[in-house]
Amino acid sequence: MLAYVTPPQRPVEWMMVLNLTPDSFSDGGELDNVDAITTRAEVAIAEGAAWLDLGAESTRPGANPIADEIQLNRLLPAIEALLPLGKPLSIDTRSAAVAHACLSAGARMINDVSGLKDPNMAEVCASHEGTWLTLMHMRGAPANMRTHCNYHFLLGEIADELAPRAADALDAGVPKERLLLDPGIGFAKTSEQSCALLASVGGLRALGLELLVGPSRKSFQADLLPERSTEERDCGTAGAASSCIHQGVTTLRLHSGKFWDAARVAAGIAAQAPSALPPGAPIVDAD
């Protein structure tokens, strides 16, 4: 039977993870000053990053919330330093107050791992013209999400839980073309569930919105590449990213763009897939 892929509807791009935290799972403590942040961002831009994603609150399993004031003390100097580089900035936060301050300072996207748990988040994003919003799926919170991994039908339940959050964002005035969905690899999902989700993530495009996926260095790779440390998982990440692109994902959130060529080739192959043919074009289906 012919296997179909779903090519992205626009050029694929990647978002560089810049964790301004002392305790993130992969690179905590590495970017503890503006010079280090700027240097890392410049490398990412040279590697082709389309976005720079700043996070001041770790969301690793077991992590506790960080006060808004602490987040802003980390984020606002970084925003000021990075804006001259000319790449749009995304802010990884669950707090509407932090989002408002960062958008006012020049950020262009809010990456909300809680999927609008803060009831003011959608309205804040809608009130700043031109803002993008990413809604991620997560059950519970980082501190307890490992206790919320019970699914009967993984993809369907994730879709059912993301859909009303997306509707809330649209109702608040966030434009559809600036709203993305993230299935939340590793967030309230076991390693096996994360792999299963990556295998079928394209099904979430049935919700009618573009997809952003963050497979970078995630713990599901520990079972597949047990000999690799967390920091050595970038090549494995490129494999996951390529699979996502074959399913129509347009944006990948990564810690490094060193292997982005693999994703670019995957996008080029996907563009020639049978499903990319014009409507009505004949497709041969051979057993």
C-alpha atoms as a PDB file:
ATOM      1  CA  MET A   1       0.000   0.000   0.000  1.00  0.00           C
ATOM      2  CA  LEU A   2       1.300   3.459  -0.871  1.00  0.00           C
ATOM      3  CA  ALA A   3       2.266   5.465   2.207  1.00  0.00           C
ATOM      4  CA  TYR A   4       1.283   9.119   2.165  1.00  0.00           C
ATOM      5  CA  VAL A   5       3.044  12.019   3.808  1.00  0.00           C
ATOM      6  CA  THR A   6       1.615  15.466   4.382  1.00  0.00           C
ATOM      7  CA  PRO A   7       4.025  18.189   3.296  1.00  0.00           C
ATOM      8  CA  PRO A   8       4.047  21.453   5.257  1.00  0.00           C
ATOM      9  CA  GLN A   9       1.960  24.236   3.757  1.00  0.00           C
ATOM     10  CA  ARG A  10       4.774  26.797   4.123  1.00  0.00           C
ATOM     11  CA  PRO A  11       8.562  26.583   4.417  1.00  0.00           C
ATOM     12  CA  VAL A  12       9.625  24.709   7.538  1.00  0.00           C
ATOM     13  CA  GLU A  13      11.528  26.638  10.181  1.00  0.00           C
ATOM     14  CA  TRP A  14      13.134  26.084  13.539  1.00  0.00           C
ATOM     15  CA  MET A  15      13.074  27.936  16.813  1.00  0.00           C
ATOM     16  CA  MET A  16      16.172  28.108  19.002  1.00  0.00           C
ATOM     17  CA  VAL A  17      15.728  27.242  22.675  1.00  0.00           C
ATOM     18  CA  LEU A  18      17.452  29.766  24.949  1.00  0.00           C
ATOM     19  CA  ASN A  19      16.924  28.713  28.554  1.00  0.00           C
ATOM     20  CA  LEU A  20      17.711  31.532  30.981  1.00  0.00           C
ATOM     21  CA  THR A  21      17.339  29.187  33.932  1.00  0.00           C
ATOM     22  CA  PRO A  22      19.742  27.496  36.331  1.00  0.00           C
ATOM     23  CA  ASP A  23      17.859  24.190  36.287  1.00  0.00           C
ATOM     24  CA  SER A  24      16.552  23.300  32.810  1.00  0.00           C
ATOM     25  CA  PHE A  25      16.972  19.622  31.917  1.00  0.00           C
ATOM     26  CA  SER A  26      19.527  20.039  29.136  1.00  0.00           C
ATOM     27  CA  ASP A  27      21.328  23.371  29.405  1.00  0.00           C
ATOM     28  CA  GLY A  28      20.399  24.908  32.727  1.00  0.00           C
ATOM     29  CA  GLY A  29      22.853  27.524  33.954  1.00  0.00           C
ATOM     30  CA  GLU A  30      24.697  27.901  30.661  1.00  0.00           C
ATOM     31  CA  LEU A  31      23.104  31.250  29.743  1.00  0.00           C
ATOM     32  CA  ASP A  32      23.438  33.218  32.956  1.00  0.00           C
ATOM     33  CA  ASN A  33      24.507  36.555  31.459  1.00  0.00           C
ATOM     34  CA  VAL A  34      23.657  38.725  28.466  1.00  0.00           C
ATOM     35  CA  ASP A  35      26.954  38.047  26.670  1.00  0.00           C
ATOM     36  CA  ALA A  36      26.431  34.271  26.800  1.00  0.00           C
ATOM     37  CA  ILE A  37      22.837  34.638  25.599  1.00  0.00           C
ATOM     38  CA  THR A  38      23.855  36.860  22.698  1.00  0.00           C
ATOM     39  CA  THR A  39      26.679  34.558  21.633  1.00  0.00           C
ATOM     40  CA  ARG A  40      24.420  31.499  21.642  1.00  0.00           C
ATOM     41  CA  ALA A  41      21.768  33.412  19.678  1.00  0.00           C
ATOM     42  CA  GLU A  42      24.285  34.520  17.062  1.00  0.00           C
ATOM     43  CA  VAL A  43      25.355  30.898  16.530  1.00  0.00           C
ATOM     44  CA  ALA A  44      21.705  29.847  16.157  1.00  0.00           C
ATOM     45  CA  ILE A  45      21.033  32.578  13.612  1.00  0.00           C
ATOM     46  CA  ALA A  46      24.090  31.502  11.610  1.00  0.00           C
ATOM     47  CA  GLU A  47      22.671  27.955  11.651  1.00  0.00           C
ATOM     48  CA  GLY A  48      19.370  29.229  10.244  1.00  0.00           C
ATOM     49  CA  ALA A  49      17.094  29.789  13.237  1.00  0.00           C
ATOM     50  CA  ALA A  50      13.904  31.652  12.356  1.00  0.00           C
ATOM     51  CA  TRP A  51      12.910  32.348  15.989  1.00  0.00           C
ATOM     52  CA  LEU A  52      14.672  32.741  19.316  1.00  0.00           C
ATOM     53  CA  ASP A  53      12.640  31.254  22.186  1.00  0.00           C
ATOM     54  CA  LEU A  54      13.482  32.617  25.635  1.00  0.00           C
ATOM     55  CA  GLY A  55      12.424  30.784  28.769  1.00  0.00           C
ATOM     56  CA  ALA A  56      12.980  31.945  32.350  1.00  0.00           C
ATOM     57  CA  GLU A  57      11.069  29.161  34.107  1.00  0.00           C
ATOM     58  CA  SER A  58      12.129  25.535  33.882  1.00  0.00           C
ATOM     59  CA  THR A  59       9.361  23.138  32.869  1.00  0.00           C
ATOM     60  CA  ARG A  60      11.339  19.952  33.395  1.00  0.00           C
ATOM     61  CA  PRO A  61       9.480  17.195  35.281  1.00  0.00           C
ATOM     62  CA  GLY A  62       9.185  18.135  38.947  1.00  0.00           C
ATOM     63  CA  ALA A  63       9.930  21.833  38.431  1.00  0.00           C
ATOM     64  CA  ASN A  64       8.074  24.370  40.555  1.00  0.00           C
ATOM     65  CA  PRO A  65       6.663  27.694  39.287  1.00  0.00           C
ATOM     66  CA  ILE A  66       8.895  30.763  39.215  1.00  0.00           C
ATOM     67  CA  ALA A  67       7.608  34.163  40.320  1.00  0.00           C
ATOM     68  CA  ASP A  68       6.783  36.675  37.594  1.00  0.00           C
ATOM     69  CA  GLU A  69       9.326  39.160  38.935  1.00  0.00           C
ATOM     70  CA  ILE A  70      12.143  36.618  38.702  1.00  0.00           C
ATOM     71  CA  GLN A  71      11.127  35.656  35.179  1.00  0.00           C
ATOM     72  CA  LEU A  72      11.112  39.292  34.074  1.00  0.00           C
ATOM     73  CA  ASN A  73      14.477  39.990  35.695  1.00  0.00           C
ATOM     74  CA  ARG A  74      15.869  37.266  33.451  1.00  0.00           C
ATOM     75  CA  LEU A  75      13.850  37.999  30.308  1.00  0.00           C
ATOM     76  CA  LEU A  76      13.787  41.772  29.872  1.00  0.00           C
ATOM     77  CA  PRO A  77      17.587  42.285  29.669  1.00  0.00           C
ATOM     78  CA  ALA A  78      17.791  39.370  27.215  1.00  0.00           C
ATOM     79  CA  ILE A  79      15.049  40.838  25.033  1.00  0.00           C
ATOM     80  CA  GLU A  80      16.856  44.193  24.954  1.00  0.00           C
ATOM     81  CA  ALA A  81      20.108  42.507  23.972  1.00  0.00           C
ATOM     82  CA  LEU A  82      18.630  40.247  21.287  1.00  0.00           C
ATOM     83  CA  LEU A  83      16.268  42.605  19.479  1.00  0.00           C
ATOM     84  CA  PRO A  84      19.134  44.198  17.473  1.00  0.00           C
ATOM     85  CA  LEU A  85      19.927  40.766  15.999  1.00  0.00           C
ATOM     86  CA  GLY A  86      16.764  41.072  13.902  1.00  0.00           C
ATOM     87  CA  LYS A  87      15.135  37.708  14.650  1.00  0.00           C
ATOM     88  CA  PRO A  88      11.656  37.560  16.191  1.00  0.00           C
ATOM     89  CA  LEU A  89      11.588  36.583  19.847  1.00  0.00           C
ATOM     90  CA  SER A  90       9.294  34.020  21.445  1.00  0.00           C
ATOM     91  CA  ILE A  91       8.728  33.926  25.207  1.00  0.00           C
ATOM     92  CA  ASP A  92       8.129  30.603  26.935  1.00  0.00           C
ATOM     93  CA  THR A  93       5.849  31.500  29.855  1.00  0.00           C
ATOM     94  CA  ARG A  94       2.590  30.471  31.493  1.00  0.00           C
ATOM     95  CA  SER A  95       2.024  33.910  33.015  1.00  0.00           C
ATOM     96  CA  ALA A  96      -0.111  36.528  31.299  1.00  0.00           C
ATOM     97  CA  ALA A  97       1.628  39.279  33.272  1.00  0.00           C
ATOM     98  CA  VAL A  98       5.031  38.119  32.041  1.00  0.00           C
ATOM     99  CA  ALA A  99       3.639  37.816  28.508  1.00  0.00           C
ATOM    100  CA  HIS A 100       2.299  41.382  28.571  1.00  0.00           C
ATOM    101  CA  ALA A 101       5.600  42.843  29.773  1.00  0.00           C
ATOM    102  CA  CYS A 102       7.645  40.904  27.217  1.00  0.00           C
ATOM    103  CA  LEU A 103       5.343  41.692  24.309  1.00  0.00           C
ATOM    104  CA  SER A 104       5.473  45.350  25.313  1.00  0.00           C
ATOM    105  CA  ALA A 105       9.280  45.086  25.252  1.00  0.00           C
ATOM    106  CA  GLY A 106       9.309  43.750  21.678  1.00  0.00           C
ATOM    107  CA  ALA A 107       8.702  39.976  21.760  1.00  0.00           C
ATOM    108  CA  ARG A 108       6.549  38.560  18.956  1.00  0.00           C
ATOM    109  CA  MET A 109       5.296  35.195  20.225  1.00  0.00           C
ATOM    110  CA  ILE A 110       4.123  33.641  23.472  1.00  0.00           C
ATOM    111  CA  ASN A 111       4.839  29.937  23.858  1.00  0.00           C
ATOM    112  CA  ASP A 112       2.388  28.812  26.552  1.00  0.00           C
ATOM    113  CA  VAL A 113       3.149  25.285  27.759  1.00  0.00           C
ATOM    114  CA  SER A 114       0.047  25.359  29.957  1.00  0.00           C
ATOM    115  CA  GLY A 115      -2.344  25.984  27.061  1.00  0.00           C
ATOM    116  CA  LEU A 116      -4.085  29.047  28.580  1.00  0.00           C
ATOM    117  CA  LYS A 117      -4.246  27.964  32.210  1.00  0.00           C
ATOM    118  CA  ASP A 118      -3.870  31.673  32.971  1.00  0.00           C
ATOM    119  CA  PRO A 119      -7.324  32.999  32.021  1.00  0.00           C
ATOM    120  CA  ASN A 120      -5.883  36.330  30.867  1.00  0.00           C
ATOM    121  CA  MET A 121      -3.305  34.915  28.470  1.00  0.00           C
ATOM    122  CA  ALA A 122      -5.391  34.823  25.280  1.00  0.00           C
ATOM    123  CA  GLU A 123      -6.675  38.359  25.782  1.00  0.00           C
ATOM    124  CA  VAL A 124      -3.152  39.657  26.436  1.00  0.00           C
ATOM    125  CA  CYS A 125      -1.847  38.062  23.245  1.00  0.00           C
ATOM    126  CA  ALA A 126      -4.779  39.321  21.199  1.00  0.00           C
ATOM    127  CA  SER A 127      -4.296  42.857  22.531  1.00  0.00           C
ATOM    128  CA  HIS A 128      -0.745  43.070  21.137  1.00  0.00           C
ATOM    129  CA  GLU A 129      -1.099  43.381  17.382  1.00  0.00           C
ATOM    130  CA  GLY A 130       0.908  40.900  15.342  1.00  0.00           C
ATOM    131  CA  THR A 131       1.515  38.483  18.219  1.00  0.00           C
ATOM    132  CA  TRP A 132       1.831  34.753  17.584  1.00  0.00           C
ATOM    133  CA  LEU A 133       0.620  32.267  20.190  1.00  0.00           C
ATOM    134  CA  THR A 134       1.600  28.627  20.633  1.00  0.00           C
ATOM    135  CA  LEU A 135      -0.641  26.450  22.803  1.00  0.00           C
ATOM    136  CA  MET A 136       0.938  23.277  24.130  1.00  0.00           C
ATOM    137  CA  HIS A 137      -0.808  20.223  25.505  1.00  0.00           C
ATOM    138  CA  MET A 138       0.019  19.321  29.073  1.00  0.00           C
ATOM    139  CA  ARG A 139      -1.988  17.721  31.848  1.00  0.00           C
ATOM    140  CA  GLY A 140      -1.349  19.000  35.341  1.00  0.00           C
ATOM    141  CA  ALA A 141       1.780  21.126  35.793  1.00  0.00           C
ATOM    142  CA  PRO A 142       5.510  20.403  35.454  1.00  0.00           C
ATOM    143  CA  ALA A 143       5.654  19.606  39.162  1.00  0.00           C
ATOM    144  CA  ASN A 144       3.140  16.735  38.871  1.00  0.00           C
ATOM    145  CA  MET A 145       2.677  15.974  35.170  1.00  0.00           C
ATOM    146  CA  ARG A 146       4.236  12.517  35.492  1.00  0.00           C
ATOM    147  CA  THR A 147       1.119  11.448  37.386  1.00  0.00           C
ATOM    148  CA  HIS A 148      -1.149  12.427  34.475  1.00  0.00           C
ATOM    149  CA  CYS A 149      -0.037   9.984  31.766  1.00  0.00           C
ATOM    150  CA  ASN A 150      -3.206   7.890  31.602  1.00  0.00           C
ATOM    151  CA  TYR A 151      -4.682   7.862  28.083  1.00  0.00           C
ATOM    152  CA  HIS A 152      -7.125   5.503  26.406  1.00  0.00           C
ATOM    153  CA  PHE A 153      -6.644   7.012  22.931  1.00  0.00           C
ATOM    154  CA  LEU A 154      -3.561   9.231  22.984  1.00  0.00           C
ATOM    155  CA  LEU A 155      -3.934  11.317  19.834  1.00  0.00           C
ATOM    156  CA  GLY A 156      -7.691  11.703  20.134  1.00  0.00           C
ATOM    157  CA  GLU A 157      -7.558  12.838  23.749  1.00  0.00           C
ATOM    158  CA  ILE A 158      -4.823  15.344  23.011  1.00  0.00           C
ATOM    159  CA  ALA A 159      -6.877  16.740  20.129  1.00  0.00           C
ATOM    160  CA  ASP A 160      -9.991  16.899  22.315  1.00  0.00           C
ATOM    161  CA  GLU A 161      -8.089  18.808  25.003  1.00  0.00           C
ATOM    162  CA  LEU A 162      -6.341  21.214  22.634  1.00  0.00           C
ATOM    163  CA  ALA A 163      -9.407  22.097  20.567  1.00  0.00           C
ATOM    164  CA  PRO A 164     -11.297  24.112  23.237  1.00  0.00           C
ATOM    165  CA  ARG A 165      -8.125  25.975  24.181  1.00  0.00           C
ATOM    166  CA  ALA A 166      -7.635  26.924  20.534  1.00  0.00           C
ATOM    167  CA  ALA A 167     -11.266  28.018  20.355  1.00  0.00           C
ATOM    168  CA  ASP A 168     -10.736  30.229  23.410  1.00  0.00           C
ATOM    169  CA  ALA A 169      -7.735  31.875  21.771  1.00  0.00           C
ATOM    170  CA  LEU A 170      -9.634  32.483  18.532  1.00  0.00           C
ATOM    171  CA  ASP A 171     -12.617  33.865  20.434  1.00  0.00           C
ATOM    172  CA  ALA A 172     -10.297  36.278  22.244  1.00  0.00           C
ATOM    173  CA  GLY A 173      -9.105  37.616  18.905  1.00  0.00           C
ATOM    174  CA  VAL A 174      -5.865  35.753  18.203  1.00  0.00           C
ATOM    175  CA  PRO A 175      -5.747  35.387  14.383  1.00  0.00           C
ATOM    176  CA  LYS A 176      -5.918  31.820  13.125  1.00  0.00           C
ATOM    177  CA  GLU A 177      -2.828  32.314  10.972  1.00  0.00           C
ATOM    178  CA  ARG A 178      -0.823  33.249  14.087  1.00  0.00           C
ATOM    179  CA  LEU A 179      -2.020  30.395  16.294  1.00  0.00           C
ATOM    180  CA  LEU A 180       0.008  27.172  16.561  1.00  0.00           C
ATOM    181  CA  LEU A 181      -0.562  23.929  18.441  1.00  0.00           C
ATOM    182  CA  ASP A 182       2.133  21.900  20.188  1.00  0.00           C
ATOM    183  CA  PRO A 183       1.342  18.298  21.246  1.00  0.00           C
ATOM    184  CA  GLY A 184       3.714  18.550  24.219  1.00  0.00           C
ATOM    185  CA  ILE A 185       6.271  15.802  23.699  1.00  0.00           C
ATOM    186  CA  GLY A 186       7.335  14.592  27.142  1.00  0.00           C
ATOM    187  CA  PHE A 187       4.754  16.675  28.999  1.00  0.00           C
ATOM    188  CA  ALA A 188       2.428  14.278  30.819  1.00  0.00           C
ATOM    189  CA  LYS A 189       3.552  11.588  28.379  1.00  0.00           C
ATOM    190  CA  THR A 190       5.788   8.598  28.979  1.00  0.00           C
ATOM    191  CA  SER A 191       8.665   7.859  26.613  1.00  0.00           C
ATOM    192  CA  GLU A 192       6.522   5.270  24.833  1.00  0.00           C
ATOM    193  CA  GLN A 193       3.638   7.730  24.525  1.00  0.00           C
ATOM    194  CA  SER A 194       5.959  10.422  23.195  1.00  0.00           C
ATOM    195  CA  CYS A 195       7.192   8.060  20.475  1.00  0.00           C
ATOM    196  CA  ALA A 196       3.636   7.054  19.604  1.00  0.00           C
ATOM    197  CA  LEU A 197       2.641  10.699  19.430  1.00  0.00           C
ATOM    198  CA  LEU A 198       5.551  11.554  17.151  1.00  0.00           C
ATOM    199  CA  ALA A 199       4.487   8.702  14.883  1.00  0.00           C
ATOM    200  CA  SER A 200       1.017  10.195  14.381  1.00  0.00           C
ATOM    201  CA  VAL A 201       1.396  13.887  15.184  1.00  0.00           C
ATOM    202  CA  GLY A 202       0.237  14.931  11.724  1.00  0.00           C
ATOM    203  CA  GLY A 203      -3.263  13.851  12.689  1.00  0.00           C
ATOM    204  CA  LEU A 204      -3.548  16.993  14.814  1.00  0.00           C
ATOM    205  CA  ARG A 205      -3.634  19.028  11.616  1.00  0.00           C
ATOM    206  CA  ALA A 206      -7.284  18.006  11.422  1.00  0.00           C
ATOM    207  CA  LEU A 207      -7.869  20.817  13.926  1.00  0.00           C
ATOM    208  CA  GLY A 208      -7.035  23.257  11.140  1.00  0.00           C
ATOM    209  CA  LEU A 209      -4.010  24.945  12.714  1.00  0.00           C
ATOM    210  CA  GLU A 210      -0.284  24.773  12.109  1.00  0.00           C
ATOM    211  CA  LEU A 211       1.826  22.609  14.362  1.00  0.00           C
ATOM    212  CA  LEU A 212       4.951  23.342  16.380  1.00  0.00           C
ATOM    213  CA  VAL A 213       6.754  20.369  17.929  1.00  0.00           C
ATOM    214  CA  GLY A 214       9.618  20.271  20.423  1.00  0.00           C
ATOM    215  CA  PRO A 215      11.349  16.852  20.318  1.00  0.00           C
ATOM    216  CA  SER A 216      14.771  18.282  21.104  1.00  0.00           C
ATOM    217  CA  ARG A 217      16.890  16.155  23.443  1.00  0.00           C
ATOM    218  CA  LYS A 218      13.729  14.835  25.129  1.00  0.00           C
ATOM    219  CA  SER A 219      13.872  11.789  27.381  1.00  0.00           C
ATOM    220  CA  PHE A 220      12.128   9.469  24.882  1.00  0.00           C
ATOM    221  CA  GLN A 221      15.500   9.293  23.151  1.00  0.00           C
ATOM    222  CA  ALA A 222      17.076   7.683  26.219  1.00  0.00           C
ATOM    223  CA  ASP A 223      15.444   4.353  25.341  1.00  0.00           C
ATOM    224  CA  LEU A 224      16.347   4.657  21.663  1.00  0.00           C
ATOM    225  CA  LEU A 225      19.894   5.979  22.175  1.00  0.00           C
ATOM    226  CA  PRO A 226      20.915   4.763  25.640  1.00  0.00           C
ATOM    227  CA  GLU A 227      24.576   5.376  24.916  1.00  0.00           C
ATOM    228  CA  ARG A 228      24.020   9.117  24.335  1.00  0.00           C
ATOM    229  CA  SER A 229      23.979  11.768  27.040  1.00  0.00           C
ATOM    230  CA  THR A 230      21.281  14.442  26.965  1.00  0.00           C
ATOM    231  CA  GLU A 231      23.663  16.884  25.269  1.00  0.00           C
ATOM    232  CA  GLU A 232      24.520  14.259  22.599  1.00  0.00           C
ATOM    233  CA  ARG A 233      20.957  13.819  21.346  1.00  0.00           C
ATOM    234  CA  ASP A 234      20.938  16.487  18.614  1.00  0.00           C
ATOM    235  CA  CYS A 235      21.443  14.009  15.775  1.00  0.00           C
ATOM    236  CA  GLY A 236      18.613  11.861  17.170  1.00  0.00           C
ATOM    237  CA  THR A 237      16.537  15.025  17.424  1.00  0.00           C
ATOM    238  CA  ALA A 238      17.091  15.625  13.708  1.00  0.00           C
ATOM    239  CA  GLY A 239      15.560  12.207  13.032  1.00  0.00           C
ATOM    240  CA  ALA A 240      12.471  13.078  15.053  1.00  0.00           C
ATOM    241  CA  ALA A 241      12.269  16.505  13.399  1.00  0.00           C
ATOM    242  CA  SER A 242      12.410  14.930   9.932  1.00  0.00           C
ATOM    243  CA  SER A 243       9.569  12.564  10.833  1.00  0.00           C
ATOM    244  CA  CYS A 244       7.504  15.526  12.016  1.00  0.00           C
ATOM    245  CA  ILE A 245       8.113  17.418   8.792  1.00  0.00           C
ATOM    246  CA  HIS A 246       6.895  14.434   6.794  1.00  0.00           C
ATOM    247  CA  GLN A 247       3.620  14.791   8.677  1.00  0.00           C
ATOM    248  CA  GLY A 248       3.152  18.484   7.951  1.00  0.00           C
ATOM    249  CA  VAL A 249       4.726  20.102  11.018  1.00  0.00           C
ATOM    250  CA  THR A 250       5.983  23.574  10.092  1.00  0.00           C
ATOM    251  CA  THR A 251       8.002  24.665  13.146  1.00  0.00           C
ATOM    252  CA  LEU A 252      10.487  22.690  15.262  1.00  0.00           C
ATOM    253  CA  ARG A 253      11.760  23.880  18.634  1.00  0.00           C
ATOM    254  CA  LEU A 254      15.415  22.819  18.968  1.00  0.00           C
ATOM    255  CA  HIS A 255      18.489  23.293  21.141  1.00  0.00           C
ATOM    256  CA  SER A 256      20.791  23.309  18.117  1.00  0.00           C
ATOM    257  CA  GLY A 257      20.551  23.734  14.359  1.00  0.00           C
ATOM    258  CA  LYS A 258      23.716  21.795  13.609  1.00  0.00           C
ATOM    259  CA  PHE A 259      21.717  19.007  11.943  1.00  0.00           C
ATOM    260  CA  TRP A 260      18.998  21.170  10.400  1.00  0.00           C
ATOM    261  CA  ASP A 261      20.069  20.072   6.915  1.00  0.00           C
ATOM    262  CA  ALA A 262      18.410  16.714   7.668  1.00  0.00           C
ATOM    263  CA  ALA A 263      15.104  18.471   8.226  1.00  0.00           C
ATOM    264  CA  ARG A 264      15.520  20.577   5.087  1.00  0.00           C
ATOM    265  CA  VAL A 265      16.048  17.437   3.029  1.00  0.00           C
ATOM    266  CA  ALA A 266      13.010  15.830   4.669  1.00  0.00           C
ATOM    267  CA  ALA A 267      10.957  18.878   3.682  1.00  0.00           C
ATOM    268  CA  GLY A 268      12.203  18.671   0.110  1.00  0.00           C
ATOM    269  CA  ILE A 269      11.258  14.998  -0.105  1.00  0.00           C
ATOM    270  CA  ALA A 270       7.852  15.658   1.462  1.00  0.00           C
ATOM    271  CA  ALA A 271       7.179  18.346  -1.134  1.00  0.00           C
ATOM    272  CA  GLN A 272       7.354  15.655  -3.844  1.00  0.00           C
ATOM    273  CA  ALA A 273       5.017  13.242  -2.059  1.00  0.00           C
ATOM    274  CA  PRO A 274       1.804  12.110  -3.803  1.00  0.00           C
ATOM    275  CA  SER A 275      -0.321  14.153  -1.413  1.00  0.00           C
ATOM    276  CA  ALA A 276       1.414  17.263  -2.717  1.00  0.00           C
ATOM    277  CA  LEU A 277      -0.088  16.758  -6.176  1.00  0.00           C
ATOM    278  CA  PRO A 278      -2.794  19.199  -7.315  1.00  0.00           C
ATOM    279  CA  PRO A 279      -6.386  18.296  -6.379  1.00  0.00           C
ATOM    280  CA  GLY A 280      -7.763  15.699  -8.772  1.00  0.00           C
ATOM    281  CA  ALA A 281      -4.383  14.513  -9.949  1.00  0.00           C
ATOM    282  CA  PRO A 282      -4.219  10.716 -10.351  1.00  0.00           C
ATOM    283  CA  ILE A 283      -2.376   8.800  -7.652  1.00  0.00           C
ATOM    284  CA  VAL A 284      -1.282   5.249  -8.261  1.00  0.00           C
ATOM    285  CA  ASP A 285      -2.036   2.986  -5.316  1.00  0.00           C
ATOM    286  CA  ALA A 286      -0.180  -0.264  -5.795  1.00  0.00           C
ATOM    287  CA  ASP A 287      -0.201  -3.272  -3.476  1.00  0.00           C
END
